[in-house]
Protein backbone atom coordinates (compact mmCIF):
# COMPACT_ATOMS: atom_id res chain seq x y z
CA MET A 1 127.30 -42.73 -33.34
CA LEU A 2 126.52 -45.04 -36.22
CA ALA A 3 126.46 -48.02 -33.90
CA ARG A 4 123.92 -46.28 -31.65
CA ALA A 5 121.71 -45.46 -34.63
CA GLU A 6 121.94 -49.04 -35.87
CA THR A 7 121.03 -50.41 -32.45
CA LYS A 8 117.99 -48.18 -32.16
CA ALA A 9 116.91 -49.11 -35.68
CA ARG A 10 117.30 -52.78 -34.77
CA ILE A 11 115.04 -52.34 -31.74
CA LEU A 12 112.45 -50.47 -33.78
CA LYS A 13 112.46 -53.13 -36.50
CA ALA A 14 112.02 -55.88 -33.93
CA ALA A 15 109.26 -53.98 -32.15
CA ARG A 16 107.42 -53.42 -35.44
CA SER A 17 107.47 -57.16 -36.07
CA VAL A 18 106.26 -58.09 -32.58
CA PHE A 19 103.54 -55.43 -32.43
CA SER A 20 102.29 -56.54 -35.85
CA ARG A 21 102.03 -60.17 -34.73
CA LYS A 22 100.85 -59.84 -31.14
CA GLY A 23 99.11 -56.48 -30.97
CA TYR A 24 99.91 -53.58 -28.67
CA ARG A 25 98.45 -54.83 -25.41
CA GLN A 26 99.90 -58.35 -25.61
CA THR A 27 103.41 -57.24 -26.53
CA THR A 28 105.93 -56.93 -23.70
CA VAL A 29 109.39 -55.42 -23.51
CA ALA A 30 110.69 -58.96 -23.09
CA ASP A 31 109.13 -59.90 -26.45
CA ILE A 32 110.94 -57.01 -28.13
CA LEU A 33 114.22 -57.91 -26.44
CA ALA A 34 113.97 -61.49 -27.67
CA GLU A 35 113.18 -60.39 -31.23
CA ALA A 36 115.93 -57.75 -31.33
CA LYS A 37 118.44 -59.94 -29.45
CA VAL A 38 119.54 -57.06 -27.24
CA ALA A 39 119.94 -56.75 -23.48
CA ARG A 40 117.31 -55.07 -21.33
CA GLY A 41 119.74 -52.28 -20.43
CA THR A 42 120.36 -51.61 -24.10
CA PHE A 43 116.63 -51.25 -24.72
CA TYR A 44 116.19 -48.77 -21.87
CA ARG A 45 119.07 -46.71 -23.17
CA TYR A 46 116.79 -45.71 -26.06
CA PHE A 47 113.23 -46.13 -24.79
CA PRO A 48 111.64 -45.84 -21.34
CA ASN A 49 108.92 -48.40 -22.13
CA LYS A 50 107.12 -50.26 -24.91
CA ARG A 51 104.63 -47.41 -25.29
CA GLN A 52 107.36 -45.02 -26.42
CA VAL A 53 108.59 -47.51 -29.02
CA PHE A 54 105.07 -47.95 -30.34
CA PHE A 55 104.47 -44.20 -30.34
CA GLU A 56 107.62 -43.60 -32.39
CA LEU A 57 106.75 -46.32 -34.91
CA SER A 58 103.17 -45.08 -35.27
CA ASN A 59 104.19 -41.43 -35.54
CA GLU A 60 106.68 -42.25 -38.28
CA LEU A 61 104.08 -44.28 -40.16
CA LEU A 62 101.34 -41.66 -40.00
CA ARG A 63 103.83 -38.96 -41.01
CA GLY A 64 104.80 -41.07 -44.02
CA ILE A 65 101.16 -41.39 -45.12
CA TYR A 66 100.65 -37.65 -44.76
CA GLU A 67 103.80 -36.81 -46.71
CA ALA A 68 102.82 -39.21 -49.48
CA SER A 69 99.38 -37.61 -49.60
CA SER A 70 101.00 -34.18 -49.82
CA ALA A 71 102.42 -35.26 -53.17
CA MET A 72 98.93 -34.71 -54.57
CA MET A 73 99.67 -30.99 -54.53
CA THR A 74 101.71 -29.58 -57.39
CA GLN A 75 104.55 -27.17 -56.67
CA GLU A 76 102.34 -24.38 -58.00
CA GLY A 77 99.48 -25.44 -55.74
CA GLY A 78 96.42 -27.44 -56.65
CA ALA A 79 96.21 -31.00 -57.87
CA THR A 80 96.02 -32.80 -61.18
CA ALA A 81 94.77 -36.27 -62.02
CA GLY A 82 98.39 -37.37 -62.27
CA THR A 83 99.53 -36.00 -58.91
CA MET A 84 96.41 -37.36 -57.20
CA HIS A 85 96.99 -40.80 -58.70
CA ASP A 86 100.63 -40.81 -57.59
CA GLY A 87 99.71 -39.68 -54.09
CA PHE A 88 97.01 -42.32 -53.66
CA ALA A 89 99.21 -45.07 -55.10
CA GLN A 90 102.12 -44.19 -52.83
CA CYS A 91 99.83 -44.21 -49.80
CA TYR A 92 98.36 -47.59 -50.69
CA ARG A 93 101.85 -49.04 -50.97
CA ILE A 94 102.56 -47.74 -47.47
CA PHE A 95 99.36 -49.40 -46.24
CA ILE A 96 100.42 -52.71 -47.80
CA ASP A 97 103.96 -52.56 -46.44
CA ASN A 98 102.76 -51.69 -42.92
CA ARG A 99 99.43 -53.49 -42.68
CA GLY A 100 100.25 -55.28 -39.42
CA LEU A 101 101.37 -52.17 -37.56
CA LEU A 102 98.44 -50.12 -38.86
CA LEU A 103 95.96 -52.78 -37.77
CA THR A 104 97.53 -52.88 -34.33
CA PHE A 105 97.40 -49.10 -34.06
CA LEU A 106 93.76 -48.87 -35.15
CA ARG A 107 92.51 -51.88 -33.22
CA ASP A 108 94.02 -51.29 -29.80
CA GLY A 109 96.71 -48.63 -30.01
CA VAL A 110 94.40 -45.64 -30.19
CA THR A 111 92.45 -46.87 -27.18
CA ALA A 112 95.55 -47.63 -25.12
CA ASP A 113 96.16 -44.09 -23.87
CA ALA A 114 95.33 -40.47 -24.57
CA GLY A 115 98.69 -39.77 -26.21
CA LEU A 116 98.22 -42.41 -28.88
CA TYR A 117 94.67 -41.22 -29.52
CA ALA A 118 95.96 -37.65 -29.84
CA LEU A 119 98.46 -38.89 -32.42
CA TRP A 120 95.61 -40.25 -34.52
CA ASP A 121 93.46 -37.15 -33.97
CA GLY A 122 96.28 -34.91 -35.19
CA PHE A 123 96.76 -37.08 -38.27
CA ASP A 124 93.02 -36.98 -38.99
CA ARG A 125 92.98 -33.17 -38.76
CA ARG A 126 96.07 -32.74 -40.97
CA MET A 127 94.71 -35.09 -43.62
CA THR A 128 91.32 -33.38 -43.64
CA ALA A 129 92.99 -29.98 -44.00
CA LEU A 130 95.16 -31.32 -46.83
CA PHE A 131 92.18 -32.70 -48.74
CA ALA A 132 90.33 -29.40 -48.19
CA GLU A 133 93.30 -27.55 -49.69
CA VAL A 134 93.42 -29.91 -52.67
CA LEU A 135 89.71 -29.32 -53.26
CA ALA A 136 89.91 -25.55 -52.82
CA GLN A 137 92.82 -25.26 -55.25
CA GLY A 138 90.99 -27.51 -57.71
CA VAL A 139 87.87 -25.39 -57.55
CA GLU A 140 89.90 -22.21 -58.02
CA ALA A 141 91.65 -23.70 -61.05
CA GLY A 142 88.36 -24.80 -62.57
CA GLU A 143 89.25 -28.50 -62.27
CA PHE A 144 86.51 -29.23 -59.72
CA ARG A 145 82.96 -27.94 -59.43
CA PRO A 146 82.29 -25.67 -56.44
CA VAL A 147 81.88 -27.80 -53.32
CA ASP A 148 81.73 -27.44 -49.56
CA THR A 149 85.43 -28.20 -49.11
CA GLU A 150 85.13 -28.87 -45.37
CA LEU A 151 82.34 -31.41 -45.83
CA VAL A 152 83.76 -33.11 -48.90
CA SER A 153 87.28 -33.29 -47.45
CA ARG A 154 85.91 -35.31 -44.52
CA ALA A 155 84.11 -37.62 -46.93
CA MET A 156 87.30 -38.02 -48.96
CA LEU A 157 89.27 -38.95 -45.86
CA MET A 158 86.71 -41.58 -44.85
CA LEU A 159 86.84 -43.10 -48.33
CA PHE A 160 90.63 -42.86 -48.44
CA LEU A 161 90.96 -44.79 -45.18
CA GLN A 162 88.08 -47.25 -45.61
CA VAL A 163 89.28 -48.77 -48.87
CA PRO A 164 92.72 -49.87 -47.59
CA TYR A 165 91.29 -50.84 -44.22
CA ARG A 166 88.86 -53.35 -45.70
CA ASP A 167 90.77 -54.58 -48.74
CA ILE A 168 94.40 -54.33 -47.67
CA MET A 169 94.54 -54.64 -43.90
CA MET A 170 91.49 -56.69 -42.95
CA GLY A 171 91.49 -58.73 -46.15
CA GLY A 172 95.23 -59.28 -46.04
CA ARG A 173 95.37 -59.32 -49.83
CA VAL A 174 98.79 -59.32 -51.43
CA ASP A 175 97.68 -59.13 -55.05
CA ILE A 176 96.33 -55.59 -54.95
CA ASP A 177 97.00 -53.45 -58.01
CA VAL A 178 97.68 -50.13 -56.31
CA ASP A 179 97.78 -48.24 -59.61
CA ALA A 180 94.31 -49.50 -60.57
CA LEU A 181 93.03 -48.73 -57.08
CA ALA A 182 94.49 -45.22 -57.24
CA SER A 183 92.93 -44.66 -60.67
CA GLU A 184 89.51 -45.64 -59.35
CA MET A 185 89.90 -43.23 -56.45
CA VAL A 186 90.95 -40.38 -58.72
CA GLY A 187 88.04 -41.09 -61.07
CA PHE A 188 85.64 -41.07 -58.15
CA VAL A 189 86.98 -37.76 -56.86
CA LEU A 190 87.13 -36.02 -60.24
CA GLU A 191 84.06 -37.46 -61.94
CA GLY A 192 81.84 -38.91 -59.24
CA LEU A 193 79.38 -41.61 -60.28
CA GLY A 194 77.03 -39.70 -62.56
CA ALA A 195 77.06 -39.90 -66.33
CA HIS A 196 78.70 -36.88 -67.94
CA GLY A 197 76.33 -33.95 -68.20
CA ARG A 198 73.76 -35.54 -65.89
CA TYR A 199 73.23 -34.19 -62.41
CA LEU A 200 70.73 -35.02 -59.70
CA THR A 201 68.34 -32.21 -58.87
CA GLY A 202 66.16 -31.95 -55.80
């Protein structure tokens, strides 16, 4: 049983490397076989095609980002500056460690077939709901001002994804201070951009 698990893990690791380098559309099963150094029959014992390998890798990655984001919630419910910082920082480390696969998924994976797009859509909905819950609990606890949680949660998700997409994945930077980046994000969420005590009025 262990040998089977190790073989599957070997195929997944090889596929991650090839997809990250070549993209989803350009990668073939033969490429994965060469990288993993396994026979074609061995590959098909675990996966029916390259799409299933990519789906499994992408699903695991998106689940990891969601679970890391869930760390923003305390066990009692709600969020604190500390839990939000830790959640953001953990997510940004995941982005850094998986930049190639994420770029492949976002660039051509989600347009490859309906199932891969549905995977992203489900992730988007779960993340938006999570941010809405963080906001609602924060408002209830008096940590946040009253807000339209549905609207602001969507804005939070866009900001959350845009920062790593531009700076980490597209920029390919390796010197990113994830703790500083997380602190900026927390400050933006908790304090906004206005000076203390000053608010815009229409």
